[in-house]
């Protein structure tokens, strides 16, 4: 596909039979800004898995996961309210459509975070990372199914990013022992939950791109956070309905065994995930993906396992092997491909 930058407007153009036609509403500099915003949000997303893993490996009794998710969501909502109070000029009066958009995005965010957290607790971090990053393939598939043209170069970037993910996971597996304590059935359930999380993340990405064109971005981030917190609080009561006695005893046992050091660790990870991952990262992501588009954003999100590996190396002492370095190189090629392609039309 042949492209041209006009120095006057610095917009992205494409050659058609009747001449050069603009195909992106954003100038090149704005497009690169979107890439940068997605890179920052990807860093926060990349911190999610290693921090959760640190919590799981550092304490004996883990917090009940649905209650954990609800606490994270409430913290995120408090930060969203603080941001809205501090910068009121960035927010417009909410419309009925924005409330509906926020409800749907909050539902997908709740499904993704809940199934991802539970999945990580049941399987290995490597398997979880691979399963969640299948969003790289799911998003273009969903867009293509909905009739959005997905250029061949974007598909190439998706394939390369998947190869990069495989290389990173294979690298991590080189040093992994065979007796990690994960039973096959338990790991399979965890993998399936992470794949369900990947589908939920994919739906979130596709829908946020569409809704971002029809609403104020700050309003969208806020309504999403409110709905996400609401669904998470309701989800925290679901285990009590299914197994009141068992879950109540689990909560009591965790509370009685909670030490000051464990409380500090759990609170720190909870605040980081709620304030930075669930609110700030999504606020940045919504703006960046509005510019770049969901299919191309997936190639950038595919850097998440690589960033997770770096953070895990810093916190847990894990290292990347030769295949990991190869995966990093493949990711860089995929990024170059996605940067050279302008955003797709609206879904």
C-alpha atoms as a PDB file:
ATOM      1  CA  UNK A   1       0.000   0.000   0.000  1.00  0.00           C
ATOM      2  CA  UNK A   2       1.548   3.292  -1.093  1.00  0.00           C
ATOM      3  CA  UNK A   3       1.382   6.268   1.262  1.00  0.00           C
ATOM      4  CA  UNK A   4       2.329   9.933   1.155  1.00  0.00           C
ATOM      5  CA  UNK A   5       2.700  12.685   3.753  1.00  0.00           C
ATOM      6  CA  UNK A   6       1.650  16.148   2.646  1.00  0.00           C
ATOM      7  CA  UNK A   7       3.928  18.677   4.329  1.00  0.00           C
ATOM      8  CA  UNK A   8       1.147  21.248   4.639  1.00  0.00           C
ATOM      9  CA  UNK A   9      -1.283  19.168   6.690  1.00  0.00           C
ATOM     10  CA  UNK A  10       1.064  16.326   7.622  1.00  0.00           C
ATOM     11  CA  UNK A  11      -1.835  13.907   7.091  1.00  0.00           C
ATOM     12  CA  UNK A  12      -1.677  10.325   5.853  1.00  0.00           C
ATOM     13  CA  UNK A  13      -2.694   9.828   2.225  1.00  0.00           C
ATOM     14  CA  UNK A  14      -3.278   6.778   0.055  1.00  0.00           C
ATOM     15  CA  UNK A  15      -3.058   6.527  -3.734  1.00  0.00           C
ATOM     16  CA  UNK A  16      -6.351   5.697  -5.440  1.00  0.00           C
ATOM     17  CA  UNK A  17      -7.329   5.600  -9.083  1.00  0.00           C
ATOM     18  CA  UNK A  18      -8.395   9.230  -8.985  1.00  0.00           C
ATOM     19  CA  UNK A  19      -5.351  10.539  -7.089  1.00  0.00           C
ATOM     20  CA  UNK A  20      -4.155  10.902  -3.518  1.00  0.00           C
ATOM     21  CA  UNK A  21      -6.979  10.724  -0.975  1.00  0.00           C
ATOM     22  CA  UNK A  22      -6.766  11.279   2.794  1.00  0.00           C
ATOM     23  CA  UNK A  23      -7.636   8.092   4.730  1.00  0.00           C
ATOM     24  CA  UNK A  24      -6.863   9.140   8.307  1.00  0.00           C
ATOM     25  CA  UNK A  25      -8.457  12.002  10.253  1.00  0.00           C
ATOM     26  CA  UNK A  26      -5.303  12.253  12.365  1.00  0.00           C
ATOM     27  CA  UNK A  27      -1.969  13.788  11.321  1.00  0.00           C
ATOM     28  CA  UNK A  28       1.151  11.635  11.426  1.00  0.00           C
ATOM     29  CA  UNK A  29       2.418  13.237  14.647  1.00  0.00           C
ATOM     30  CA  UNK A  30      -0.903  12.514  16.345  1.00  0.00           C
ATOM     31  CA  UNK A  31      -0.758   8.918  15.141  1.00  0.00           C
ATOM     32  CA  UNK A  32       2.711   8.479  16.656  1.00  0.00           C
ATOM     33  CA  UNK A  33       1.408  10.096  19.845  1.00  0.00           C
ATOM     34  CA  UNK A  34      -1.266   7.383  19.936  1.00  0.00           C
ATOM     35  CA  UNK A  35       1.469   4.741  19.611  1.00  0.00           C
ATOM     36  CA  UNK A  36       3.291   6.330  22.548  1.00  0.00           C
ATOM     37  CA  UNK A  37       0.175   6.460  24.730  1.00  0.00           C
ATOM     38  CA  UNK A  38      -0.509   2.804  24.062  1.00  0.00           C
ATOM     39  CA  UNK A  39       3.102   2.037  24.974  1.00  0.00           C
ATOM     40  CA  UNK A  40       2.674   3.688  28.385  1.00  0.00           C
ATOM     41  CA  UNK A  41      -0.575   1.845  29.062  1.00  0.00           C
ATOM     42  CA  UNK A  42       1.069  -1.413  27.965  1.00  0.00           C
ATOM     43  CA  UNK A  43       3.744  -0.913  30.621  1.00  0.00           C
ATOM     44  CA  UNK A  44       1.067  -0.720  33.313  1.00  0.00           C
ATOM     45  CA  UNK A  45      -0.715  -3.749  31.850  1.00  0.00           C
ATOM     46  CA  UNK A  46       2.615  -5.579  31.796  1.00  0.00           C
ATOM     47  CA  UNK A  47       3.036  -5.011  35.521  1.00  0.00           C
ATOM     48  CA  UNK A  48      -0.241  -6.798  36.305  1.00  0.00           C
ATOM     49  CA  UNK A  49       0.836 -10.430  36.011  1.00  0.00           C
ATOM     50  CA  UNK A  50       4.218 -10.242  37.829  1.00  0.00           C
ATOM     51  CA  UNK A  51       2.742  -8.267  40.723  1.00  0.00           C
ATOM     52  CA  UNK A  52      -0.119 -10.749  41.100  1.00  0.00           C
ATOM     53  CA  UNK A  53       2.401 -13.573  40.884  1.00  0.00           C
ATOM     54  CA  UNK A  54       4.545 -11.902  43.555  1.00  0.00           C
ATOM     55  CA  UNK A  55       1.529 -11.790  45.844  1.00  0.00           C
ATOM     56  CA  UNK A  56       0.717 -15.453  45.206  1.00  0.00           C
ATOM     57  CA  UNK A  57       4.300 -16.616  45.828  1.00  0.00           C
ATOM     58  CA  UNK A  58       5.038 -14.406  48.825  1.00  0.00           C
ATOM     59  CA  UNK A  59       2.105 -15.257  51.087  1.00  0.00           C
ATOM     60  CA  UNK A  60       0.644 -18.591  52.115  1.00  0.00           C
ATOM     61  CA  UNK A  61      -3.037 -17.684  52.317  1.00  0.00           C
ATOM     62  CA  UNK A  62      -4.269 -15.739  49.297  1.00  0.00           C
ATOM     63  CA  UNK A  63      -7.121 -13.236  49.526  1.00  0.00           C
ATOM     64  CA  UNK A  64     -10.485 -14.432  48.139  1.00  0.00           C
ATOM     65  CA  UNK A  65     -10.122 -13.445  44.507  1.00  0.00           C
ATOM     66  CA  UNK A  66     -13.582 -12.007  43.828  1.00  0.00           C
ATOM     67  CA  UNK A  67     -13.322  -9.827  46.941  1.00  0.00           C
ATOM     68  CA  UNK A  68      -9.838  -8.873  45.808  1.00  0.00           C
ATOM     69  CA  UNK A  69     -11.207  -7.794  42.405  1.00  0.00           C
ATOM     70  CA  UNK A  70     -13.945  -5.750  44.081  1.00  0.00           C
ATOM     71  CA  UNK A  71     -11.409  -3.922  46.272  1.00  0.00           C
ATOM     72  CA  UNK A  72      -9.229  -3.169  43.237  1.00  0.00           C
ATOM     73  CA  UNK A  73     -12.252  -1.807  41.370  1.00  0.00           C
ATOM     74  CA  UNK A  74     -13.347   0.362  44.308  1.00  0.00           C
ATOM     75  CA  UNK A  75      -9.852   1.851  44.547  1.00  0.00           C
ATOM     76  CA  UNK A  76      -9.933   2.563  40.822  1.00  0.00           C
ATOM     77  CA  UNK A  77     -13.321   4.226  41.185  1.00  0.00           C
ATOM     78  CA  UNK A  78     -12.057   6.412  44.039  1.00  0.00           C
ATOM     79  CA  UNK A  79      -9.147   7.567  41.868  1.00  0.00           C
ATOM     80  CA  UNK A  80     -11.554   8.229  38.986  1.00  0.00           C
ATOM     81  CA  UNK A  81     -13.742  10.345  41.270  1.00  0.00           C
ATOM     82  CA  UNK A  82     -10.656  12.219  42.506  1.00  0.00           C
ATOM     83  CA  UNK A  83      -9.561  12.872  38.925  1.00  0.00           C
ATOM     84  CA  UNK A  84     -13.039  14.083  37.999  1.00  0.00           C
ATOM     85  CA  UNK A  85     -13.118  16.397  41.029  1.00  0.00           C
ATOM     86  CA  UNK A  86      -9.593  17.736  40.374  1.00  0.00           C
ATOM     87  CA  UNK A  87     -10.033  18.316  36.632  1.00  0.00           C
ATOM     88  CA  UNK A  88     -13.729  19.119  36.152  1.00  0.00           C
ATOM     89  CA  UNK A  89     -13.013  21.012  32.931  1.00  0.00           C
ATOM     90  CA  UNK A  90     -12.043  17.750  31.223  1.00  0.00           C
ATOM     91  CA  UNK A  91     -15.479  16.229  31.779  1.00  0.00           C
ATOM     92  CA  UNK A  92     -18.741  17.100  30.047  1.00  0.00           C
ATOM     93  CA  UNK A  93     -22.285  16.395  31.268  1.00  0.00           C
ATOM     94  CA  UNK A  94     -22.948  12.679  30.800  1.00  0.00           C
ATOM     95  CA  UNK A  95     -25.315  11.638  28.041  1.00  0.00           C
ATOM     96  CA  UNK A  96     -27.581   8.607  28.098  1.00  0.00           C
ATOM     97  CA  UNK A  97     -25.506   6.966  25.365  1.00  0.00           C
ATOM     98  CA  UNK A  98     -22.285   7.447  27.352  1.00  0.00           C
ATOM     99  CA  UNK A  99     -23.900   5.706  30.326  1.00  0.00           C
ATOM    100  CA  UNK A 100     -24.844   2.766  28.091  1.00  0.00           C
ATOM    101  CA  UNK A 101     -21.335   2.669  26.599  1.00  0.00           C
ATOM    102  CA  UNK A 102     -19.814   2.688  30.082  1.00  0.00           C
ATOM    103  CA  UNK A 103     -22.049  -0.177  31.206  1.00  0.00           C
ATOM    104  CA  UNK A 104     -20.923  -2.382  28.335  1.00  0.00           C
ATOM    105  CA  UNK A 105     -17.237  -1.503  28.721  1.00  0.00           C
ATOM    106  CA  UNK A 106     -17.475  -2.024  32.487  1.00  0.00           C
ATOM    107  CA  UNK A 107     -18.965  -5.474  31.939  1.00  0.00           C
ATOM    108  CA  UNK A 108     -16.186  -6.550  29.570  1.00  0.00           C
ATOM    109  CA  UNK A 109     -13.560  -5.088  31.913  1.00  0.00           C
ATOM    110  CA  UNK A 110     -15.047  -6.995  34.845  1.00  0.00           C
ATOM    111  CA  UNK A 111     -15.150 -10.257  32.904  1.00  0.00           C
ATOM    112  CA  UNK A 112     -11.558  -9.798  31.717  1.00  0.00           C
ATOM    113  CA  UNK A 113     -10.008  -8.892  35.063  1.00  0.00           C
ATOM    114  CA  UNK A 114     -11.923 -11.548  37.026  1.00  0.00           C
ATOM    115  CA  UNK A 115     -11.192 -14.453  34.705  1.00  0.00           C
ATOM    116  CA  UNK A 116      -7.588 -13.311  34.213  1.00  0.00           C
ATOM    117  CA  UNK A 117      -6.866 -13.109  37.942  1.00  0.00           C
ATOM    118  CA  UNK A 118      -8.452 -16.477  38.678  1.00  0.00           C
ATOM    119  CA  UNK A 119      -6.687 -17.999  35.669  1.00  0.00           C
ATOM    120  CA  UNK A 120      -3.275 -16.762  36.842  1.00  0.00           C
ATOM    121  CA  UNK A 121      -3.907 -18.404  40.221  1.00  0.00           C
ATOM    122  CA  UNK A 122      -4.550 -21.781  38.561  1.00  0.00           C
ATOM    123  CA  UNK A 123      -1.924 -21.971  35.817  1.00  0.00           C
ATOM    124  CA  UNK A 124       1.650 -20.849  35.273  1.00  0.00           C
ATOM    125  CA  UNK A 125       2.425 -17.234  34.477  1.00  0.00           C
ATOM    126  CA  UNK A 126       3.893 -18.244  31.096  1.00  0.00           C
ATOM    127  CA  UNK A 127       0.783 -20.120  29.997  1.00  0.00           C
ATOM    128  CA  UNK A 128      -1.444 -17.311  31.256  1.00  0.00           C
ATOM    129  CA  UNK A 129       0.557 -14.722  29.294  1.00  0.00           C
ATOM    130  CA  UNK A 130       0.248 -16.693  26.061  1.00  0.00           C
ATOM    131  CA  UNK A 131      -3.486 -17.321  26.488  1.00  0.00           C
ATOM    132  CA  UNK A 132      -4.301 -13.676  27.301  1.00  0.00           C
ATOM    133  CA  UNK A 133      -2.232 -12.355  24.413  1.00  0.00           C
ATOM    134  CA  UNK A 134      -4.371 -14.297  21.934  1.00  0.00           C
ATOM    135  CA  UNK A 135      -6.203 -10.947  21.808  1.00  0.00           C
ATOM    136  CA  UNK A 136      -3.657 -10.141  19.107  1.00  0.00           C
ATOM    137  CA  UNK A 137      -5.481 -12.561  16.816  1.00  0.00           C
ATOM    138  CA  UNK A 138      -8.995 -12.219  18.258  1.00  0.00           C
ATOM    139  CA  UNK A 139      -9.387  -8.473  17.647  1.00  0.00           C
ATOM    140  CA  UNK A 140      -8.705  -8.577  13.878  1.00  0.00           C
ATOM    141  CA  UNK A 141     -10.944 -11.652  13.645  1.00  0.00           C
ATOM    142  CA  UNK A 142     -13.779  -9.827  15.427  1.00  0.00           C
ATOM    143  CA  UNK A 143     -13.289  -6.741  13.278  1.00  0.00           C
ATOM    144  CA  UNK A 144     -13.157  -8.787  10.096  1.00  0.00           C
ATOM    145  CA  UNK A 145     -16.313 -10.658  11.132  1.00  0.00           C
ATOM    146  CA  UNK A 146     -18.039  -7.285  11.637  1.00  0.00           C
ATOM    147  CA  UNK A 147     -17.062  -6.151   8.149  1.00  0.00           C
ATOM    148  CA  UNK A 148     -14.120  -3.864   8.937  1.00  0.00           C
ATOM    149  CA  UNK A 149     -11.317  -4.151   6.343  1.00  0.00           C
ATOM    150  CA  UNK A 150      -8.119  -5.416   7.984  1.00  0.00           C
ATOM    151  CA  UNK A 151      -5.051  -4.803   5.778  1.00  0.00           C
ATOM    152  CA  UNK A 152      -2.677  -7.666   5.089  1.00  0.00           C
ATOM    153  CA  UNK A 153       0.211  -5.889   6.807  1.00  0.00           C
ATOM    154  CA  UNK A 154      -1.760  -5.758  10.030  1.00  0.00           C
ATOM    155  CA  UNK A 155      -2.327  -9.519   9.820  1.00  0.00           C
ATOM    156  CA  UNK A 156       1.405  -9.937   9.257  1.00  0.00           C
ATOM    157  CA  UNK A 157       2.069  -7.868  12.374  1.00  0.00           C
ATOM    158  CA  UNK A 158      -0.369 -10.053  14.339  1.00  0.00           C
ATOM    159  CA  UNK A 159       1.344 -13.249  13.208  1.00  0.00           C
ATOM    160  CA  UNK A 160       4.778 -11.864  14.058  1.00  0.00           C
ATOM    161  CA  UNK A 161       3.595 -10.762  17.486  1.00  0.00           C
ATOM    162  CA  UNK A 162       2.260 -14.267  18.190  1.00  0.00           C
ATOM    163  CA  UNK A 163       5.619 -15.724  17.160  1.00  0.00           C
ATOM    164  CA  UNK A 164       7.291 -13.277  19.504  1.00  0.00           C
ATOM    165  CA  UNK A 165       4.990 -14.368  22.344  1.00  0.00           C
ATOM    166  CA  UNK A 166       5.816 -18.014  21.660  1.00  0.00           C
ATOM    167  CA  UNK A 167       9.546 -17.257  21.747  1.00  0.00           C
ATOM    168  CA  UNK A 168       9.245 -15.432  25.066  1.00  0.00           C
ATOM    169  CA  UNK A 169       7.241 -18.247  26.643  1.00  0.00           C
ATOM    170  CA  UNK A 170       9.568 -20.919  25.273  1.00  0.00           C
ATOM    171  CA  UNK A 171      12.482 -18.950  26.702  1.00  0.00           C
ATOM    172  CA  UNK A 172      10.864 -18.863  30.138  1.00  0.00           C
ATOM    173  CA  UNK A 173      10.119 -22.579  29.910  1.00  0.00           C
ATOM    174  CA  UNK A 174      13.793 -23.412  29.347  1.00  0.00           C
ATOM    175  CA  UNK A 175      14.552 -22.715  33.005  1.00  0.00           C
ATOM    176  CA  UNK A 176      11.251 -23.930  34.438  1.00  0.00           C
ATOM    177  CA  UNK A 177      11.297 -27.197  36.355  1.00  0.00           C
ATOM    178  CA  UNK A 178       8.790 -29.930  35.663  1.00  0.00           C
ATOM    179  CA  UNK A 179       7.546 -30.031  39.280  1.00  0.00           C
ATOM    180  CA  UNK A 180       6.043 -26.576  39.575  1.00  0.00           C
ATOM    181  CA  UNK A 181       3.109 -27.980  41.495  1.00  0.00           C
ATOM    182  CA  UNK A 182       0.468 -27.345  38.845  1.00  0.00           C
ATOM    183  CA  UNK A 183      -1.781 -30.311  38.067  1.00  0.00           C
ATOM    184  CA  UNK A 184      -2.810 -30.769  34.452  1.00  0.00           C
ATOM    185  CA  UNK A 185      -6.552 -30.346  35.054  1.00  0.00           C
ATOM    186  CA  UNK A 186      -6.065 -27.266  37.217  1.00  0.00           C
ATOM    187  CA  UNK A 187      -3.728 -25.698  34.657  1.00  0.00           C
ATOM    188  CA  UNK A 188      -6.193 -26.459  31.853  1.00  0.00           C
ATOM    189  CA  UNK A 189      -8.994 -24.671  33.730  1.00  0.00           C
ATOM    190  CA  UNK A 190      -6.656 -21.723  34.291  1.00  0.00           C
ATOM    191  CA  UNK A 191      -5.738 -21.623  30.597  1.00  0.00           C
ATOM    192  CA  UNK A 192      -9.391 -21.686  29.548  1.00  0.00           C
ATOM    193  CA  UNK A 193     -10.170 -18.842  31.943  1.00  0.00           C
ATOM    194  CA  UNK A 194      -7.279 -16.803  30.501  1.00  0.00           C
ATOM    195  CA  UNK A 195      -8.588 -17.428  26.977  1.00  0.00           C
ATOM    196  CA  UNK A 196     -12.007 -16.218  28.148  1.00  0.00           C
ATOM    197  CA  UNK A 197     -10.230 -13.157  29.547  1.00  0.00           C
ATOM    198  CA  UNK A 198      -8.585 -12.656  26.158  1.00  0.00           C
ATOM    199  CA  UNK A 199     -11.979 -12.686  24.451  1.00  0.00           C
ATOM    200  CA  UNK A 200     -13.303 -10.154  26.977  1.00  0.00           C
ATOM    201  CA  UNK A 201     -10.265  -7.921  26.474  1.00  0.00           C
ATOM    202  CA  UNK A 202     -10.779  -8.187  22.710  1.00  0.00           C
ATOM    203  CA  UNK A 203     -14.420  -7.165  22.939  1.00  0.00           C
ATOM    204  CA  UNK A 204     -13.419  -4.270  25.197  1.00  0.00           C
ATOM    205  CA  UNK A 205     -10.800  -3.077  22.688  1.00  0.00           C
ATOM    206  CA  UNK A 206     -13.133  -3.277  19.711  1.00  0.00           C
ATOM    207  CA  UNK A 207     -16.048  -1.589  21.464  1.00  0.00           C
ATOM    208  CA  UNK A 208     -13.976   1.167  23.073  1.00  0.00           C
ATOM    209  CA  UNK A 209     -12.726   2.135  19.615  1.00  0.00           C
ATOM    210  CA  UNK A 210     -16.299   2.475  18.370  1.00  0.00           C
ATOM    211  CA  UNK A 211     -17.612   4.261  21.459  1.00  0.00           C
ATOM    212  CA  UNK A 212     -14.618   6.603  21.549  1.00  0.00           C
ATOM    213  CA  UNK A 213     -15.785   8.110  18.253  1.00  0.00           C
ATOM    214  CA  UNK A 214     -19.205   8.918  19.692  1.00  0.00           C
ATOM    215  CA  UNK A 215     -18.458  10.222  23.184  1.00  0.00           C
ATOM    216  CA  UNK A 216     -16.105  12.316  25.284  1.00  0.00           C
ATOM    217  CA  UNK A 217     -13.080  10.167  26.122  1.00  0.00           C
ATOM    218  CA  UNK A 218     -12.873  11.241  29.770  1.00  0.00           C
ATOM    219  CA  UNK A 219     -16.592  10.596  30.205  1.00  0.00           C
ATOM    220  CA  UNK A 220     -16.127   7.167  28.659  1.00  0.00           C
ATOM    221  CA  UNK A 221     -13.261   6.274  30.995  1.00  0.00           C
ATOM    222  CA  UNK A 222     -15.271   7.442  34.004  1.00  0.00           C
ATOM    223  CA  UNK A 223     -18.508   5.614  33.177  1.00  0.00           C
ATOM    224  CA  UNK A 224     -16.515   2.474  32.413  1.00  0.00           C
ATOM    225  CA  UNK A 225     -14.869   2.690  35.841  1.00  0.00           C
ATOM    226  CA  UNK A 226     -18.201   3.160  37.628  1.00  0.00           C
ATOM    227  CA  UNK A 227     -19.758   0.184  35.838  1.00  0.00           C
ATOM    228  CA  UNK A 228     -16.648  -1.953  36.372  1.00  0.00           C
ATOM    229  CA  UNK A 229     -16.750  -1.243  40.108  1.00  0.00           C
ATOM    230  CA  UNK A 230     -20.466  -2.030  40.240  1.00  0.00           C
ATOM    231  CA  UNK A 231     -20.098  -5.367  38.462  1.00  0.00           C
ATOM    232  CA  UNK A 232     -17.069  -6.245  40.623  1.00  0.00           C
ATOM    233  CA  UNK A 233     -18.932  -5.568  43.883  1.00  0.00           C
ATOM    234  CA  UNK A 234     -21.836  -7.717  42.679  1.00  0.00           C
ATOM    235  CA  UNK A 235     -19.347 -10.388  41.631  1.00  0.00           C
ATOM    236  CA  UNK A 236     -17.849 -10.425  45.131  1.00  0.00           C
ATOM    237  CA  UNK A 237     -21.201 -11.648  46.484  1.00  0.00           C
ATOM    238  CA  UNK A 238     -21.593 -14.399  43.870  1.00  0.00           C
ATOM    239  CA  UNK A 239     -19.410 -16.991  45.708  1.00  0.00           C
ATOM    240  CA  UNK A 240     -21.456 -16.406  48.884  1.00  0.00           C
ATOM    241  CA  UNK A 241     -24.618 -17.285  46.939  1.00  0.00           C
ATOM    242  CA  UNK A 242     -23.059 -20.405  45.407  1.00  0.00           C
ATOM    243  CA  UNK A 243     -21.348 -21.680  48.557  1.00  0.00           C
ATOM    244  CA  UNK A 244     -22.092 -19.510  51.577  1.00  0.00           C
ATOM    245  CA  UNK A 245     -20.457 -21.700  54.238  1.00  0.00           C
ATOM    246  CA  UNK A 246     -17.307 -22.573  52.293  1.00  0.00           C
ATOM    247  CA  UNK A 247     -16.606 -19.060  51.082  1.00  0.00           C
ATOM    248  CA  UNK A 248     -17.363 -17.529  54.479  1.00  0.00           C
ATOM    249  CA  UNK A 249     -14.859 -19.896  56.113  1.00  0.00           C
ATOM    250  CA  UNK A 250     -12.297 -19.011  53.422  1.00  0.00           C
ATOM    251  CA  UNK A 251     -12.711 -15.295  54.159  1.00  0.00           C
ATOM    252  CA  UNK A 252     -12.445 -15.837  57.927  1.00  0.00           C
ATOM    253  CA  UNK A 253      -9.380 -18.074  57.556  1.00  0.00           C
ATOM    254  CA  UNK A 254      -7.647 -15.511  55.365  1.00  0.00           C
ATOM    255  CA  UNK A 255      -8.429 -12.646  57.748  1.00  0.00           C
ATOM    256  CA  UNK A 256      -7.190 -14.574  60.807  1.00  0.00           C
ATOM    257  CA  UNK A 257      -3.930 -15.529  59.082  1.00  0.00           C
ATOM    258  CA  UNK A 258      -3.238 -12.047  57.716  1.00  0.00           C
ATOM    259  CA  UNK A 259       0.115 -10.707  58.939  1.00  0.00           C
ATOM    260  CA  UNK A 260       1.267  -7.053  58.834  1.00  0.00           C
ATOM    261  CA  UNK A 261       3.791  -7.816  56.065  1.00  0.00           C
ATOM    262  CA  UNK A 262       1.177  -9.664  54.013  1.00  0.00           C
ATOM    263  CA  UNK A 263      -1.270  -6.786  54.525  1.00  0.00           C
ATOM    264  CA  UNK A 264       1.297  -4.281  53.218  1.00  0.00           C
ATOM    265  CA  UNK A 265       2.040  -6.433  50.156  1.00  0.00           C
ATOM    266  CA  UNK A 266      -1.613  -7.067  49.343  1.00  0.00           C
ATOM    267  CA  UNK A 267      -2.528  -3.401  49.864  1.00  0.00           C
ATOM    268  CA  UNK A 268       0.345  -2.207  47.678  1.00  0.00           C
ATOM    269  CA  UNK A 269      -0.515  -4.519  44.797  1.00  0.00           C
ATOM    270  CA  UNK A 270      -4.195  -3.661  45.214  1.00  0.00           C
ATOM    271  CA  UNK A 271      -3.577   0.109  45.063  1.00  0.00           C
ATOM    272  CA  UNK A 272      -1.232  -0.231  42.060  1.00  0.00           C
ATOM    273  CA  UNK A 273      -3.728  -2.326  40.111  1.00  0.00           C
ATOM    274  CA  UNK A 274      -6.726  -0.194  41.039  1.00  0.00           C
ATOM    275  CA  UNK A 275      -5.239   3.280  40.584  1.00  0.00           C
ATOM    276  CA  UNK A 276      -2.757   2.714  37.762  1.00  0.00           C
ATOM    277  CA  UNK A 277      -3.791  -0.415  35.854  1.00  0.00           C
ATOM    278  CA  UNK A 278      -7.575  -0.174  36.019  1.00  0.00           C
ATOM    279  CA  UNK A 279      -8.010   3.611  35.810  1.00  0.00           C
ATOM    280  CA  UNK A 280      -4.949   5.493  34.574  1.00  0.00           C
ATOM    281  CA  UNK A 281      -3.822   2.855  32.062  1.00  0.00           C
ATOM    282  CA  UNK A 282      -7.346   2.533  30.651  1.00  0.00           C
ATOM    283  CA  UNK A 283      -7.733   6.312  30.485  1.00  0.00           C
ATOM    284  CA  UNK A 284      -4.523   6.549  28.453  1.00  0.00           C
ATOM    285  CA  UNK A 285      -5.435   3.474  26.398  1.00  0.00           C
ATOM    286  CA  UNK A 286      -8.849   4.819  25.398  1.00  0.00           C
ATOM    287  CA  UNK A 287      -7.271   7.978  23.981  1.00  0.00           C
ATOM    288  CA  UNK A 288      -4.421   6.142  22.259  1.00  0.00           C
ATOM    289  CA  UNK A 289      -6.622   3.438  20.764  1.00  0.00           C
ATOM    290  CA  UNK A 290      -9.047   6.073  19.519  1.00  0.00           C
ATOM    291  CA  UNK A 291      -6.170   7.301  17.333  1.00  0.00           C
ATOM    292  CA  UNK A 292      -4.467   4.039  16.381  1.00  0.00           C
ATOM    293  CA  UNK A 293      -7.400   1.627  16.160  1.00  0.00           C
ATOM    294  CA  UNK A 294      -7.911  -1.741  17.874  1.00  0.00           C
ATOM    295  CA  UNK A 295      -6.222  -4.059  15.354  1.00  0.00           C
ATOM    296  CA  UNK A 296      -2.956  -2.118  15.281  1.00  0.00           C
ATOM    297  CA  UNK A 297      -3.117  -1.584  19.028  1.00  0.00           C
ATOM    298  CA  UNK A 298      -2.957  -5.367  19.514  1.00  0.00           C
ATOM    299  CA  UNK A 299       0.582  -5.472  18.147  1.00  0.00           C
ATOM    300  CA  UNK A 300       1.625  -2.926  20.767  1.00  0.00           C
ATOM    301  CA  UNK A 301      -0.267  -4.784  23.495  1.00  0.00           C
ATOM    302  CA  UNK A 302       1.640  -7.897  22.453  1.00  0.00           C
ATOM    303  CA  UNK A 303       4.671  -6.314  24.121  1.00  0.00           C
ATOM    304  CA  UNK A 304       2.969  -6.992  27.453  1.00  0.00           C
ATOM    305  CA  UNK A 305       4.641 -10.418  28.033  1.00  0.00           C
ATOM    306  CA  UNK A 306       8.035  -8.870  27.249  1.00  0.00           C
ATOM    307  CA  UNK A 307       7.454  -6.055  29.732  1.00  0.00           C
ATOM    308  CA  UNK A 308       6.126  -8.585  32.236  1.00  0.00           C
ATOM    309  CA  UNK A 309       9.359 -10.564  31.819  1.00  0.00           C
ATOM    310  CA  UNK A 310      11.462  -7.460  32.532  1.00  0.00           C
ATOM    311  CA  UNK A 311       9.408  -6.607  35.632  1.00  0.00           C
ATOM    312  CA  UNK A 312       9.541 -10.246  36.766  1.00  0.00           C
ATOM    313  CA  UNK A 313      13.326 -10.161  36.353  1.00  0.00           C
ATOM    314  CA  UNK A 314      13.527  -7.054  38.532  1.00  0.00           C
ATOM    315  CA  UNK A 315      11.153  -8.359  41.222  1.00  0.00           C
ATOM    316  CA  UNK A 316      11.504 -12.154  41.110  1.00  0.00           C
ATOM    317  CA  UNK A 317      14.920 -12.605  39.493  1.00  0.00           C
ATOM    318  CA  UNK A 318      13.593 -14.346  36.383  1.00  0.00           C
ATOM    319  CA  UNK A 319      15.734 -14.050  33.250  1.00  0.00           C
ATOM    320  CA  UNK A 320      15.199 -14.097  29.472  1.00  0.00           C
ATOM    321  CA  UNK A 321      17.020 -16.693  27.413  1.00  0.00           C
ATOM    322  CA  UNK A 322      18.172 -16.545  23.804  1.00  0.00           C
ATOM    323  CA  UNK A 323      14.649 -17.248  22.578  1.00  0.00           C
ATOM    324  CA  UNK A 324      13.428 -14.358  24.685  1.00  0.00           C
ATOM    325  CA  UNK A 325      15.815 -12.010  22.917  1.00  0.00           C
ATOM    326  CA  UNK A 326      14.588 -13.406  19.599  1.00  0.00           C
ATOM    327  CA  UNK A 327      11.023 -12.708  20.701  1.00  0.00           C
ATOM    328  CA  UNK A 328      11.971  -9.123  21.521  1.00  0.00           C
ATOM    329  CA  UNK A 329      13.437  -8.688  18.025  1.00  0.00           C
ATOM    330  CA  UNK A 330      10.297 -10.124  16.399  1.00  0.00           C
ATOM    331  CA  UNK A 331       8.165  -7.726  18.430  1.00  0.00           C
ATOM    332  CA  UNK A 332      10.221  -4.777  17.215  1.00  0.00           C
ATOM    333  CA  UNK A 333       9.635  -5.814  13.604  1.00  0.00           C
ATOM    334  CA  UNK A 334       5.899  -6.122  14.293  1.00  0.00           C
ATOM    335  CA  UNK A 335       5.884  -2.640  15.839  1.00  0.00           C
ATOM    336  CA  UNK A 336       7.606  -1.165  12.793  1.00  0.00           C
ATOM    337  CA  UNK A 337       4.931  -2.716  10.597  1.00  0.00           C
ATOM    338  CA  UNK A 338       2.036  -1.353  12.641  1.00  0.00           C
ATOM    339  CA  UNK A 339       3.546   2.150  12.870  1.00  0.00           C
ATOM    340  CA  UNK A 340       3.737   2.344   9.085  1.00  0.00           C
ATOM    341  CA  UNK A 341       0.002   1.642   8.687  1.00  0.00           C
ATOM    342  CA  UNK A 342      -2.695   4.256   9.391  1.00  0.00           C
ATOM    343  CA  UNK A 343      -5.830   3.645  11.489  1.00  0.00           C
ATOM    344  CA  UNK A 344      -8.670   1.588  10.087  1.00  0.00           C
ATOM    345  CA  UNK A 345     -12.213   2.887   9.573  1.00  0.00           C
ATOM    346  CA  UNK A 346     -14.725   2.855  12.408  1.00  0.00           C
ATOM    347  CA  UNK A 347     -16.301  -0.447  13.398  1.00  0.00           C
END
